[in-house]
């Protein structure tokens, strides 16, 4: 955030969130189904609601905190290694994250691991 502690819902108070939002919106033009394409967007102190509003599955940082750099990687790893028949939510992952749902949250997505029999 540019202006600490004020107007959390004003996009102009965020340095880079509009770029994350534009990117997510563009990706959703190509794949509208949130279960088909998993999108994680944002960074420390991002405009979480705006990023989620344009179509991300997961975003940082709902509590406007500095997140651990490894947390987005943990989310991506869990999505990649969860079977594609299972729906993964933030509740499934939050215990592995440094700041839990304050640092990363979202609506969830289908896993991406294909089981070949």
PDB file of N, CA and C in Angstrom:
ATOM      1  N   UNK A   1       0.830  -1.184   0.000  1.00  0.00           N
ATOM      2  CA  UNK A   1       0.000   0.000   0.000  1.00  0.00           C
ATOM      3  C   UNK A   1       0.870   1.241   0.000  1.00  0.00           C
ATOM      4  N   UNK A   2       0.392   2.239  -0.691  1.00  0.00           N
ATOM      5  CA  UNK A   2       1.125   3.495  -0.742  1.00  0.00           C
ATOM      6  C   UNK A   2       0.798   4.352   0.476  1.00  0.00           C
ATOM      7  N   UNK A   3      -0.495   4.469   0.777  1.00  0.00           N
ATOM      8  CA  UNK A   3      -0.938   5.270   1.929  1.00  0.00           C
ATOM      9  C   UNK A   3      -1.315   4.320   3.054  1.00  0.00           C
ATOM     10  N   UNK A   4      -0.444   4.184   4.022  1.00  0.00           N
ATOM     11  CA  UNK A   4      -0.626   3.212   5.107  1.00  0.00           C
ATOM     12  C   UNK A   4      -1.936   3.410   5.867  1.00  0.00           C
ATOM     13  N   UNK A   5      -2.697   2.304   5.961  1.00  0.00           N
ATOM     14  CA  UNK A   5      -3.850   2.260   6.839  1.00  0.00           C
ATOM     15  C   UNK A   5      -5.088   3.024   6.416  1.00  0.00           C
ATOM     16  N   UNK A   6      -5.137   3.547   5.195  1.00  0.00           N
ATOM     17  CA  UNK A   6      -6.326   4.293   4.793  1.00  0.00           C
ATOM     18  C   UNK A   6      -6.878   3.765   3.479  1.00  0.00           C
ATOM     19  N   UNK A   7      -8.190   3.829   3.346  1.00  0.00           N
ATOM     20  CA  UNK A   7      -8.913   3.503   2.108  1.00  0.00           C
ATOM     21  C   UNK A   7      -8.427   2.214   1.450  1.00  0.00           C
ATOM     22  N   UNK A   8      -8.660   1.095   2.130  1.00  0.00           N
ATOM     23  CA  UNK A   8      -8.236  -0.200   1.616  1.00  0.00           C
ATOM     24  C   UNK A   8      -8.884  -0.550   0.278  1.00  0.00           C
ATOM     25  N   UNK A   9     -10.062   0.012  -0.003  1.00  0.00           N
ATOM     26  CA  UNK A   9     -10.773  -0.326  -1.239  1.00  0.00           C
ATOM     27  C   UNK A   9     -10.512   0.659  -2.378  1.00  0.00           C
ATOM     28  N   UNK A  10      -9.499   1.493  -2.262  1.00  0.00           N
ATOM     29  CA  UNK A  10      -9.146   2.452  -3.312  1.00  0.00           C
ATOM     30  C   UNK A  10      -7.912   1.937  -4.068  1.00  0.00           C
ATOM     31  N   UNK A  11      -8.097   1.552  -5.321  1.00  0.00           N
ATOM     32  CA  UNK A  11      -7.011   0.975  -6.120  1.00  0.00           C
ATOM     33  C   UNK A  11      -5.823   1.922  -6.225  1.00  0.00           C
ATOM     34  N   UNK A  12      -6.061   3.202  -6.118  1.00  0.00           N
ATOM     35  CA  UNK A  12      -4.968   4.173  -6.224  1.00  0.00           C
ATOM     36  C   UNK A  12      -4.073   4.212  -4.988  1.00  0.00           C
ATOM     37  N   UNK A  13      -4.449   3.478  -3.948  1.00  0.00           N
ATOM     38  CA  UNK A  13      -3.600   3.369  -2.758  1.00  0.00           C
ATOM     39  C   UNK A  13      -2.660   2.170  -2.826  1.00  0.00           C
ATOM     40  N   UNK A  14      -2.623   1.505  -3.964  1.00  0.00           N
ATOM     41  CA  UNK A  14      -1.770   0.338  -4.149  1.00  0.00           C
ATOM     42  C   UNK A  14      -0.822   0.573  -5.315  1.00  0.00           C
ATOM     43  N   UNK A  15       0.420   0.216  -5.128  1.00  0.00           N
ATOM     44  CA  UNK A  15       1.438   0.472  -6.145  1.00  0.00           C
ATOM     45  C   UNK A  15       1.292  -0.448  -7.359  1.00  0.00           C
ATOM     46  N   UNK A  16       1.082  -1.748  -7.150  1.00  0.00           N
ATOM     47  CA  UNK A  16       1.099  -2.708  -8.261  1.00  0.00           C
ATOM     48  C   UNK A  16      -0.170  -3.532  -8.443  1.00  0.00           C
ATOM     49  N   UNK A  17      -1.114  -3.412  -7.557  1.00  0.00           N
ATOM     50  CA  UNK A  17      -2.295  -4.284  -7.621  1.00  0.00           C
ATOM     51  C   UNK A  17      -3.072  -4.145  -8.914  1.00  0.00           C
ATOM     52  N   UNK A  18      -3.121  -2.956  -9.506  1.00  0.00           N
ATOM     53  CA  UNK A  18      -3.861  -2.807 -10.760  1.00  0.00           C
ATOM     54  C   UNK A  18      -3.244  -3.661 -11.865  1.00  0.00           C
ATOM     55  N   UNK A  19      -1.926  -3.858 -11.813  1.00  0.00           N
ATOM     56  CA  UNK A  19      -1.271  -4.705 -12.810  1.00  0.00           C
ATOM     57  C   UNK A  19      -1.641  -6.170 -12.599  1.00  0.00           C
ATOM     58  N   UNK A  20      -1.701  -6.604 -11.330  1.00  0.00           N
ATOM     59  CA  UNK A  20      -2.152  -7.966 -11.037  1.00  0.00           C
ATOM     60  C   UNK A  20      -3.588  -8.148 -11.511  1.00  0.00           C
ATOM     61  N   UNK A  21      -4.426  -7.155 -11.246  1.00  0.00           N
ATOM     62  CA  UNK A  21      -5.829  -7.243 -11.638  1.00  0.00           C
ATOM     63  C   UNK A  21      -5.984  -7.304 -13.155  1.00  0.00           C
ATOM     64  N   UNK A  22      -5.233  -6.502 -13.875  1.00  0.00           N
ATOM     65  CA  UNK A  22      -5.293  -6.526 -15.343  1.00  0.00           C
ATOM     66  C   UNK A  22      -4.860  -7.878 -15.889  1.00  0.00           C
ATOM     67  N   UNK A  23      -3.821  -8.444 -15.298  1.00  0.00           N
ATOM     68  CA  UNK A  23      -3.307  -9.744 -15.741  1.00  0.00           C
ATOM     69  C   UNK A  23      -4.325 -10.851 -15.502  1.00  0.00           C
ATOM     70  N   UNK A  24      -4.940 -10.863 -14.314  1.00  0.00           N
ATOM     71  CA  UNK A  24      -5.946 -11.876 -13.994  1.00  0.00           C
ATOM     72  C   UNK A  24      -7.145 -11.733 -14.935  1.00  0.00           C
ATOM     73  N   UNK A  25      -7.596 -10.520 -15.146  1.00  0.00           N
ATOM     74  CA  UNK A  25      -8.738 -10.295 -16.040  1.00  0.00           C
ATOM     75  C   UNK A  25      -8.430 -10.767 -17.459  1.00  0.00           C
ATOM     76  N   UNK A  26      -7.221 -10.514 -17.925  1.00  0.00           N
ATOM     77  CA  UNK A  26      -6.828 -10.959 -19.273  1.00  0.00           C
ATOM     78  C   UNK A  26      -6.791 -12.486 -19.350  1.00  0.00           C
ATOM     79  N   UNK A  27      -6.246 -13.130 -18.328  1.00  0.00           N
ATOM     80  CA  UNK A  27      -6.194 -14.601 -18.306  1.00  0.00           C
ATOM     81  C   UNK A  27      -7.598 -15.195 -18.292  1.00  0.00           C
ATOM     82  N   UNK A  28      -8.506 -14.570 -17.579  1.00  0.00           N
ATOM     83  CA  UNK A  28      -9.883 -15.075 -17.515  1.00  0.00           C
ATOM     84  C   UNK A  28     -10.626 -14.909 -18.843  1.00  0.00           C
ATOM     85  N   UNK A  29     -10.174 -14.016 -19.691  1.00  0.00           N
ATOM     86  CA  UNK A  29     -10.767 -13.913 -21.029  1.00  0.00           C
ATOM     87  C   UNK A  29     -10.516 -15.192 -21.816  1.00  0.00           C
ATOM     88  N   UNK A  30      -9.392 -15.838 -21.558  1.00  0.00           N
ATOM     89  CA  UNK A  30      -9.007 -17.050 -22.281  1.00  0.00           C
ATOM     90  C   UNK A  30      -9.559 -18.306 -21.625  1.00  0.00           C
ATOM     91  N   UNK A  31      -9.699 -18.291 -20.315  1.00  0.00           N
ATOM     92  CA  UNK A  31     -10.217 -19.459 -19.592  1.00  0.00           C
ATOM     93  C   UNK A  31     -11.086 -18.970 -18.447  1.00  0.00           C
ATOM     94  N   UNK A  32     -12.397 -18.971 -18.668  1.00  0.00           N
ATOM     95  CA  UNK A  32     -13.330 -18.424 -17.690  1.00  0.00           C
ATOM     96  C   UNK A  32     -13.563 -19.342 -16.500  1.00  0.00           C
ATOM     97  N   UNK A  33     -13.472 -20.651 -16.688  1.00  0.00           N
ATOM     98  CA  UNK A  33     -13.755 -21.595 -15.605  1.00  0.00           C
ATOM     99  C   UNK A  33     -12.656 -21.540 -14.551  1.00  0.00           C
ATOM    100  N   UNK A  34     -13.046 -21.226 -13.321  1.00  0.00           N
ATOM    101  CA  UNK A  34     -12.063 -21.098 -12.249  1.00  0.00           C
ATOM    102  C   UNK A  34     -11.466 -22.444 -11.851  1.00  0.00           C
ATOM    103  N   UNK A  35     -12.124 -23.545 -12.188  1.00  0.00           N
ATOM    104  CA  UNK A  35     -11.578 -24.855 -11.887  1.00  0.00           C
ATOM    105  C   UNK A  35     -10.572 -25.328 -12.926  1.00  0.00           C
ATOM    106  N   UNK A  36     -10.641 -24.775 -14.133  1.00  0.00           N
ATOM    107  CA  UNK A  36      -9.742 -25.191 -15.209  1.00  0.00           C
ATOM    108  C   UNK A  36      -8.377 -24.535 -15.112  1.00  0.00           C
ATOM    109  N   UNK A  37      -8.366 -23.243 -14.883  1.00  0.00           N
ATOM    110  CA  UNK A  37      -7.124 -22.483 -14.780  1.00  0.00           C
ATOM    111  C   UNK A  37      -7.026 -21.916 -13.372  1.00  0.00           C
ATOM    112  N   UNK A  38      -6.007 -22.332 -12.633  1.00  0.00           N
ATOM    113  CA  UNK A  38      -5.806 -21.834 -11.275  1.00  0.00           C
ATOM    114  C   UNK A  38      -4.909 -20.603 -11.327  1.00  0.00           C
ATOM    115  N   UNK A  39      -5.412 -19.502 -10.792  1.00  0.00           N
ATOM    116  CA  UNK A  39      -4.645 -18.260 -10.796  1.00  0.00           C
ATOM    117  C   UNK A  39      -4.363 -17.825  -9.367  1.00  0.00           C
ATOM    118  N   UNK A  40      -3.090 -17.619  -9.069  1.00  0.00           N
ATOM    119  CA  UNK A  40      -2.655 -17.018  -7.811  1.00  0.00           C
ATOM    120  C   UNK A  40      -2.026 -15.685  -8.182  1.00  0.00           C
ATOM    121  N   UNK A  41      -2.497 -14.606  -7.575  1.00  0.00           N
ATOM    122  CA  UNK A  41      -1.964 -13.283  -7.908  1.00  0.00           C
ATOM    123  C   UNK A  41      -1.781 -12.456  -6.644  1.00  0.00           C
ATOM    124  N   UNK A  42      -0.978 -11.431  -6.782  1.00  0.00           N
ATOM    125  CA  UNK A  42      -0.768 -10.508  -5.679  1.00  0.00           C
ATOM    126  C   UNK A  42       0.616 -10.613  -5.090  1.00  0.00           C
ATOM    127  N   UNK A  43       0.855  -9.773  -4.115  1.00  0.00           N
ATOM    128  CA  UNK A  43       2.129  -9.725  -3.405  1.00  0.00           C
ATOM    129  C   UNK A  43       1.846  -9.132  -2.029  1.00  0.00           C
ATOM    130  N   UNK A  44       2.876  -8.774  -1.326  1.00  0.00           N
ATOM    131  CA  UNK A  44       2.708  -8.184   0.000  1.00  0.00           C
ATOM    132  C   UNK A  44       1.808  -6.953  -0.084  1.00  0.00           C
ATOM    133  N   UNK A  45       0.868  -6.872   0.823  1.00  0.00           N
ATOM    134  CA  UNK A  45      -0.029  -5.727   0.963  1.00  0.00           C
ATOM    135  C   UNK A  45      -0.810  -5.403  -0.310  1.00  0.00           C
ATOM    136  N   UNK A  46      -1.217  -6.436  -1.033  1.00  0.00           N
ATOM    137  CA  UNK A  46      -1.988  -6.236  -2.265  1.00  0.00           C
ATOM    138  C   UNK A  46      -3.456  -5.949  -1.968  1.00  0.00           C
ATOM    139  N   UNK A  47      -4.150  -5.499  -3.001  1.00  0.00           N
ATOM    140  CA  UNK A  47      -5.592  -5.244  -2.937  1.00  0.00           C
ATOM    141  C   UNK A  47      -6.305  -6.570  -3.167  1.00  0.00           C
ATOM    142  N   UNK A  48      -6.396  -7.366  -2.115  1.00  0.00           N
ATOM    143  CA  UNK A  48      -6.929  -8.724  -2.174  1.00  0.00           C
ATOM    144  C   UNK A  48      -8.314  -8.778  -2.819  1.00  0.00           C
ATOM    145  N   UNK A  49      -9.232  -7.949  -2.367  1.00  0.00           N
ATOM    146  CA  UNK A  49     -10.608  -7.999  -2.860  1.00  0.00           C
ATOM    147  C   UNK A  49     -10.685  -7.677  -4.351  1.00  0.00           C
ATOM    148  N   UNK A  50      -9.884  -6.748  -4.804  1.00  0.00           N
ATOM    149  CA  UNK A  50      -9.869  -6.401  -6.223  1.00  0.00           C
ATOM    150  C   UNK A  50      -9.344  -7.536  -7.080  1.00  0.00           C
ATOM    151  N   UNK A  51      -8.281  -8.163  -6.615  1.00  0.00           N
ATOM    152  CA  UNK A  51      -7.679  -9.280  -7.366  1.00  0.00           C
ATOM    153  C   UNK A  51      -8.637 -10.468  -7.429  1.00  0.00           C
ATOM    154  N   UNK A  52      -9.267 -10.778  -6.305  1.00  0.00           N
ATOM    155  CA  UNK A  52     -10.235 -11.874  -6.297  1.00  0.00           C
ATOM    156  C   UNK A  52     -11.450 -11.522  -7.145  1.00  0.00           C
ATOM    157  N   UNK A  53     -11.838 -10.266  -7.135  1.00  0.00           N
ATOM    158  CA  UNK A  53     -13.011  -9.824  -7.869  1.00  0.00           C
ATOM    159  C   UNK A  53     -12.899  -9.958  -9.375  1.00  0.00           C
ATOM    160  N   UNK A  54     -11.690  -9.920  -9.888  1.00  0.00           N
ATOM    161  CA  UNK A  54     -11.518 -10.070 -11.340  1.00  0.00           C
ATOM    162  C   UNK A  54     -11.261 -11.512 -11.753  1.00  0.00           C
ATOM    163  N   UNK A  55     -11.209 -12.438 -10.777  1.00  0.00           N
ATOM    164  CA  UNK A  55     -11.174 -13.843 -11.165  1.00  0.00           C
ATOM    165  C   UNK A  55     -10.056 -14.717 -10.648  1.00  0.00           C
ATOM    166  N   UNK A  56      -9.239 -14.247  -9.711  1.00  0.00           N
ATOM    167  CA  UNK A  56      -8.183 -15.113  -9.170  1.00  0.00           C
ATOM    168  C   UNK A  56      -8.793 -16.199  -8.280  1.00  0.00           C
ATOM    169  N   UNK A  57      -8.118 -17.331  -8.215  1.00  0.00           N
ATOM    170  CA  UNK A  57      -8.522 -18.391  -7.294  1.00  0.00           C
ATOM    171  C   UNK A  57      -7.956 -18.148  -5.896  1.00  0.00           C
ATOM    172  N   UNK A  58      -6.728 -17.672  -5.855  1.00  0.00           N
ATOM    173  CA  UNK A  58      -6.045 -17.347  -4.601  1.00  0.00           C
ATOM    174  C   UNK A  58      -5.327 -16.017  -4.792  1.00  0.00           C
ATOM    175  N   UNK A  59      -5.206 -15.267  -3.704  1.00  0.00           N
ATOM    176  CA  UNK A  59      -4.494 -13.995  -3.773  1.00  0.00           C
ATOM    177  C   UNK A  59      -3.906 -13.680  -2.402  1.00  0.00           C
ATOM    178  N   UNK A  60      -2.973 -12.761  -2.405  1.00  0.00           N
ATOM    179  CA  UNK A  60      -2.425 -12.251  -1.163  1.00  0.00           C
ATOM    180  C   UNK A  60      -2.761 -10.771  -1.143  1.00  0.00           C
ATOM    181  N   UNK A  61      -2.845 -10.141  -0.194  1.00  0.00           N
ATOM    182  CA  UNK A  61      -2.726 -10.395   1.207  1.00  0.00           C
ATOM    183  C   UNK A  61      -3.968  -9.806   1.868  1.00  0.00           C
ATOM    184  N   UNK A  62      -4.954 -10.652   2.218  1.00  0.00           N
ATOM    185  CA  UNK A  62      -6.221 -10.134   2.743  1.00  0.00           C
ATOM    186  C   UNK A  62      -6.069  -9.252   3.980  1.00  0.00           C
ATOM    187  N   UNK A  63      -5.045  -9.473   4.782  1.00  0.00           N
ATOM    188  CA  UNK A  63      -4.828  -8.654   5.980  1.00  0.00           C
ATOM    189  C   UNK A  63      -3.850  -7.508   5.727  1.00  0.00           C
ATOM    190  N   UNK A  64      -3.450  -7.312   4.467  1.00  0.00           N
ATOM    191  CA  UNK A  64      -2.510  -6.245   4.083  1.00  0.00           C
ATOM    192  C   UNK A  64      -1.209  -6.334   4.874  1.00  0.00           C
ATOM    193  N   UNK A  65      -0.662  -7.553   4.944  1.00  0.00           N
ATOM    194  CA  UNK A  65       0.581  -7.780   5.673  1.00  0.00           C
ATOM    195  C   UNK A  65       1.688  -8.179   4.706  1.00  0.00           C
ATOM    196  N   UNK A  66       2.915  -8.186   5.195  1.00  0.00           N
ATOM    197  CA  UNK A  66       4.047  -8.684   4.425  1.00  0.00           C
ATOM    198  C   UNK A  66       3.993 -10.211   4.505  1.00  0.00           C
ATOM    199  N   UNK A  67       3.836 -10.868   3.369  1.00  0.00           N
ATOM    200  CA  UNK A  67       3.723 -12.326   3.366  1.00  0.00           C
ATOM    201  C   UNK A  67       5.108 -12.965   3.263  1.00  0.00           C
ATOM    202  N   UNK A  68       5.176 -14.225   3.626  1.00  0.00           N
ATOM    203  CA  UNK A  68       6.401 -14.999   3.460  1.00  0.00           C
ATOM    204  C   UNK A  68       6.534 -15.337   1.975  1.00  0.00           C
ATOM    205  N   UNK A  69       7.705 -15.148   1.415  1.00  0.00           N
ATOM    206  CA  UNK A  69       7.900 -15.375  -0.029  1.00  0.00           C
ATOM    207  C   UNK A  69       7.594 -16.807  -0.428  1.00  0.00           C
ATOM    208  N   UNK A  70       7.644 -17.741   0.492  1.00  0.00           N
ATOM    209  CA  UNK A  70       7.433 -19.147   0.152  1.00  0.00           C
ATOM    210  C   UNK A  70       5.951 -19.532   0.115  1.00  0.00           C
ATOM    211  N   UNK A  71       5.080 -18.718   0.721  1.00  0.00           N
ATOM    212  CA  UNK A  71       3.660 -19.064   0.790  1.00  0.00           C
ATOM    213  C   UNK A  71       3.003 -19.264  -0.588  1.00  0.00           C
ATOM    214  N   UNK A  72       3.213 -18.386  -1.572  1.00  0.00           N
ATOM    215  CA  UNK A  72       2.627 -18.653  -2.897  1.00  0.00           C
ATOM    216  C   UNK A  72       3.148 -19.953  -3.515  1.00  0.00           C
ATOM    217  N   UNK A  73       4.398 -20.287  -3.227  1.00  0.00           N
ATOM    218  CA  UNK A  73       4.955 -21.541  -3.738  1.00  0.00           C
ATOM    219  C   UNK A  73       4.285 -22.748  -3.093  1.00  0.00           C
ATOM    220  N   UNK A  74       3.972 -22.640  -1.812  1.00  0.00           N
ATOM    221  CA  UNK A  74       3.280 -23.729  -1.115  1.00  0.00           C
ATOM    222  C   UNK A  74       1.905 -23.943  -1.733  1.00  0.00           C
ATOM    223  N   UNK A  75       1.186 -22.857  -1.987  1.00  0.00           N
ATOM    224  CA  UNK A  75      -0.133 -22.961  -2.607  1.00  0.00           C
ATOM    225  C   UNK A  75      -0.018 -23.601  -3.993  1.00  0.00           C
ATOM    226  N   UNK A  76       0.906 -23.134  -4.799  1.00  0.00           N
ATOM    227  CA  UNK A  76       1.088 -23.685  -6.148  1.00  0.00           C
ATOM    228  C   UNK A  76       1.461 -25.165  -6.101  1.00  0.00           C
ATOM    229  N   UNK A  77       2.333 -25.527  -5.177  1.00  0.00           N
ATOM    230  CA  UNK A  77       2.748 -26.930  -5.043  1.00  0.00           C
ATOM    231  C   UNK A  77       1.567 -27.812  -4.664  1.00  0.00           C
ATOM    232  N   UNK A  78       0.738 -27.341  -3.756  1.00  0.00           N
ATOM    233  CA  UNK A  78      -0.427 -28.133  -3.342  1.00  0.00           C
ATOM    234  C   UNK A  78      -1.431 -28.283  -4.477  1.00  0.00           C
ATOM    235  N   UNK A  79      -1.613 -27.236  -5.271  1.00  0.00           N
ATOM    236  CA  UNK A  79      -2.513 -27.326  -6.427  1.00  0.00           C
ATOM    237  C   UNK A  79      -1.967 -28.356  -7.419  1.00  0.00           C
ATOM    238  N   UNK A  80      -0.674 -28.293  -7.685  1.00  0.00           N
ATOM    239  CA  UNK A  80      -0.047 -29.189  -8.662  1.00  0.00           C
ATOM    240  C   UNK A  80      -0.045 -30.639  -8.222  1.00  0.00           C
ATOM    241  N   UNK A  81       0.007 -30.895  -6.926  1.00  0.00           N
ATOM    242  CA  UNK A  81       0.113 -32.272  -6.434  1.00  0.00           C
ATOM    243  C   UNK A  81      -1.196 -32.841  -5.897  1.00  0.00           C
ATOM    244  N   UNK A  82      -2.269 -32.074  -5.978  1.00  0.00           N
ATOM    245  CA  UNK A  82      -3.585 -32.570  -5.576  1.00  0.00           C
ATOM    246  C   UNK A  82      -4.252 -33.182  -6.800  1.00  0.00           C
ATOM    247  N   UNK A  83      -4.850 -34.339  -6.605  1.00  0.00           N
ATOM    248  CA  UNK A  83      -5.503 -35.036  -7.717  1.00  0.00           C
ATOM    249  C   UNK A  83      -6.553 -34.148  -8.369  1.00  0.00           C
ATOM    250  N   UNK A  84      -6.674 -34.273  -9.687  1.00  0.00           N
ATOM    251  CA  UNK A  84      -7.584 -33.398 -10.430  1.00  0.00           C
ATOM    252  C   UNK A  84      -9.060 -33.706 -10.182  1.00  0.00           C
ATOM    253  N   UNK A  85      -9.351 -34.686  -9.374  1.00  0.00           N
ATOM    254  CA  UNK A  85     -10.730 -34.990  -8.994  1.00  0.00           C
ATOM    255  C   UNK A  85     -11.102 -34.360  -7.659  1.00  0.00           C
ATOM    256  N   UNK A  86     -10.153 -33.699  -7.012  1.00  0.00           N
ATOM    257  CA  UNK A  86     -10.389 -33.107  -5.692  1.00  0.00           C
ATOM    258  C   UNK A  86     -10.339 -31.589  -5.772  1.00  0.00           C
ATOM    259  N   UNK A  87     -11.206 -30.961  -4.980  1.00  0.00           N
ATOM    260  CA  UNK A  87     -11.248 -29.503  -4.894  1.00  0.00           C
ATOM    261  C   UNK A  87     -10.408 -29.081  -3.692  1.00  0.00           C
ATOM    262  N   UNK A  88      -9.481 -28.177  -3.911  1.00  0.00           N
ATOM    263  CA  UNK A  88      -8.558 -27.713  -2.881  1.00  0.00           C
ATOM    264  C   UNK A  88      -8.988 -26.326  -2.414  1.00  0.00           C
ATOM    265  N   UNK A  89      -9.138 -26.158  -1.106  1.00  0.00           N
ATOM    266  CA  UNK A  89      -9.515 -24.858  -0.544  1.00  0.00           C
ATOM    267  C   UNK A  89      -8.384 -24.325   0.329  1.00  0.00           C
ATOM    268  N   UNK A  90      -8.493 -23.084   0.718  1.00  0.00           N
ATOM    269  CA  UNK A  90      -7.489 -22.485   1.581  1.00  0.00           C
ATOM    270  C   UNK A  90      -7.462 -23.183   2.939  1.00  0.00           C
ATOM    271  N   UNK A  91      -8.586 -23.735   3.377  1.00  0.00           N
ATOM    272  CA  UNK A  91      -8.611 -24.470   4.643  1.00  0.00           C
ATOM    273  C   UNK A  91      -7.713 -25.705   4.590  1.00  0.00           C
ATOM    274  N   UNK A  92      -7.537 -26.273   3.404  1.00  0.00           N
ATOM    275  CA  UNK A  92      -6.660 -27.432   3.240  1.00  0.00           C
ATOM    276  C   UNK A  92      -5.187 -27.055   3.339  1.00  0.00           C
ATOM    277  N   UNK A  93      -4.868 -25.797   3.130  1.00  0.00           N
ATOM    278  CA  UNK A  93      -3.485 -25.346   3.031  1.00  0.00           C
ATOM    279  C   UNK A  93      -3.051 -24.452   4.181  1.00  0.00           C
ATOM    280  N   UNK A  94      -3.980 -23.762   4.834  1.00  0.00           N
ATOM    281  CA  UNK A  94      -3.633 -22.676   5.761  1.00  0.00           C
ATOM    282  C   UNK A  94      -2.653 -23.061   6.867  1.00  0.00           C
ATOM    283  N   UNK A  95      -2.661 -24.270   7.321  1.00  0.00           N
ATOM    284  CA  UNK A  95      -1.732 -24.687   8.388  1.00  0.00           C
ATOM    285  C   UNK A  95      -0.277 -24.702   7.922  1.00  0.00           C
ATOM    286  N   UNK A  96      -0.067 -24.817   6.614  1.00  0.00           N
ATOM    287  CA  UNK A  96       1.289 -24.843   6.060  1.00  0.00           C
ATOM    288  C   UNK A  96       1.854 -23.444   5.795  1.00  0.00           C
ATOM    289  N   UNK A  97       1.002 -22.441   5.850  1.00  0.00           N
ATOM    290  CA  UNK A  97       1.408 -21.067   5.533  1.00  0.00           C
ATOM    291  C   UNK A  97       1.834 -20.337   6.799  1.00  0.00           C
ATOM    292  N   UNK A  98       2.841 -19.498   6.688  1.00  0.00           N
ATOM    293  CA  UNK A  98       3.342 -18.782   7.861  1.00  0.00           C
ATOM    294  C   UNK A  98       2.252 -17.973   8.548  1.00  0.00           C
ATOM    295  N   UNK A  99       1.488 -17.222   7.775  1.00  0.00           N
ATOM    296  CA  UNK A  99       0.475 -16.346   8.356  1.00  0.00           C
ATOM    297  C   UNK A  99      -0.949 -16.832   8.112  1.00  0.00           C
ATOM    298  N   UNK A 100      -1.084 -18.064   7.653  1.00  0.00           N
ATOM    299  CA  UNK A 100      -2.411 -18.623   7.413  1.00  0.00           C
ATOM    300  C   UNK A 100      -3.224 -17.791   6.443  1.00  0.00           C
ATOM    301  N   UNK A 101      -4.530 -17.646   6.746  1.00  0.00           N
ATOM    302  CA  UNK A 101      -5.435 -16.932   5.853  1.00  0.00           C
ATOM    303  C   UNK A 101      -5.264 -15.413   5.909  1.00  0.00           C
ATOM    304  N   UNK A 102      -4.436 -14.906   6.797  1.00  0.00           N
ATOM    305  CA  UNK A 102      -4.165 -13.468   6.797  1.00  0.00           C
ATOM    306  C   UNK A 102      -3.193 -13.102   5.672  1.00  0.00           C
ATOM    307  N   UNK A 103      -2.327 -14.030   5.303  1.00  0.00           N
ATOM    308  CA  UNK A 103      -1.350 -13.783   4.250  1.00  0.00           C
ATOM    309  C   UNK A 103      -1.814 -14.204   2.876  1.00  0.00           C
ATOM    310  N   UNK A 104      -2.570 -15.294   2.811  1.00  0.00           N
ATOM    311  CA  UNK A 104      -3.065 -15.835   1.541  1.00  0.00           C
ATOM    312  C   UNK A 104      -4.463 -16.374   1.780  1.00  0.00           C
ATOM    313  N   UNK A 105      -5.357 -16.119   0.852  1.00  0.00           N
ATOM    314  CA  UNK A 105      -6.690 -16.693   0.940  1.00  0.00           C
ATOM    315  C   UNK A 105      -7.241 -16.865  -0.467  1.00  0.00           C
ATOM    316  N   UNK A 106      -8.444 -17.369  -0.566  1.00  0.00           N
ATOM    317  CA  UNK A 106      -9.042 -17.559  -1.873  1.00  0.00           C
ATOM    318  C   UNK A 106     -10.232 -18.483  -1.843  1.00  0.00           C
ATOM    319  N   UNK A 107     -10.767 -18.740  -3.023  1.00  0.00           N
ATOM    320  CA  UNK A 107     -11.972 -19.560  -3.139  1.00  0.00           C
ATOM    321  C   UNK A 107     -11.668 -21.027  -3.386  1.00  0.00           C
ATOM    322  N   UNK A 108     -10.470 -21.334  -3.849  1.00  0.00           N
ATOM    323  CA  UNK A 108     -10.094 -22.713  -4.121  1.00  0.00           C
ATOM    324  C   UNK A 108     -10.067 -23.026  -5.608  1.00  0.00           C
ATOM    325  N   UNK A 109      -9.675 -24.265  -5.913  1.00  0.00           N
ATOM    326  CA  UNK A 109      -9.584 -24.727  -7.297  1.00  0.00           C
ATOM    327  C   UNK A 109      -9.480 -26.244  -7.323  1.00  0.00           C
ATOM    328  N   UNK A 110      -9.683 -26.797  -8.472  1.00  0.00           N
ATOM    329  CA  UNK A 110      -9.474 -28.230  -8.647  1.00  0.00           C
ATOM    330  C   UNK A 110      -7.972 -28.508  -8.672  1.00  0.00           C
ATOM    331  N   UNK A 111      -7.572 -29.653  -8.115  1.00  0.00           N
ATOM    332  CA  UNK A 111      -6.181 -30.065  -8.208  1.00  0.00           C
ATOM    333  C   UNK A 111      -5.802 -30.295  -9.663  1.00  0.00           C
ATOM    334  N   UNK A 112      -4.523 -30.351  -9.933  1.00  0.00           N
ATOM    335  CA  UNK A 112      -4.045 -30.474 -11.325  1.00  0.00           C
ATOM    336  C   UNK A 112      -3.311 -31.788 -11.612  1.00  0.00           C
ATOM    337  N   UNK A 113      -3.127 -32.626 -10.601  1.00  0.00           N
ATOM    338  CA  UNK A 113      -2.397 -33.873 -10.808  1.00  0.00           C
ATOM    339  C   UNK A 113      -3.323 -34.901 -11.451  1.00  0.00           C
ATOM    340  N   UNK A 114      -2.911 -35.395 -12.609  1.00  0.00           N
ATOM    341  CA  UNK A 114      -3.704 -36.408 -13.311  1.00  0.00           C
ATOM    342  C   UNK A 114      -3.221 -37.785 -12.899  1.00  0.00           C
ATOM    343  N   UNK A 115      -4.161 -38.605 -12.510  1.00  0.00           N
ATOM    344  CA  UNK A 115      -3.866 -39.978 -12.128  1.00  0.00           C
ATOM    345  C   UNK A 115      -4.093 -40.859 -13.351  1.00  0.00           C
ATOM    346  N   UNK A 116      -3.045 -41.524 -13.784  1.00  0.00           N
ATOM    347  CA  UNK A 116      -3.121 -42.411 -14.933  1.00  0.00           C
ATOM    348  C   UNK A 116      -3.089 -43.845 -14.439  1.00  0.00           C
ATOM    349  N   UNK A 117      -4.103 -44.580 -14.761  1.00  0.00           N
ATOM    350  CA  UNK A 117      -4.189 -45.976 -14.328  1.00  0.00           C
ATOM    351  C   UNK A 117      -3.779 -46.915 -15.409  1.00  0.00           C
TER     352      UNK A 117
END
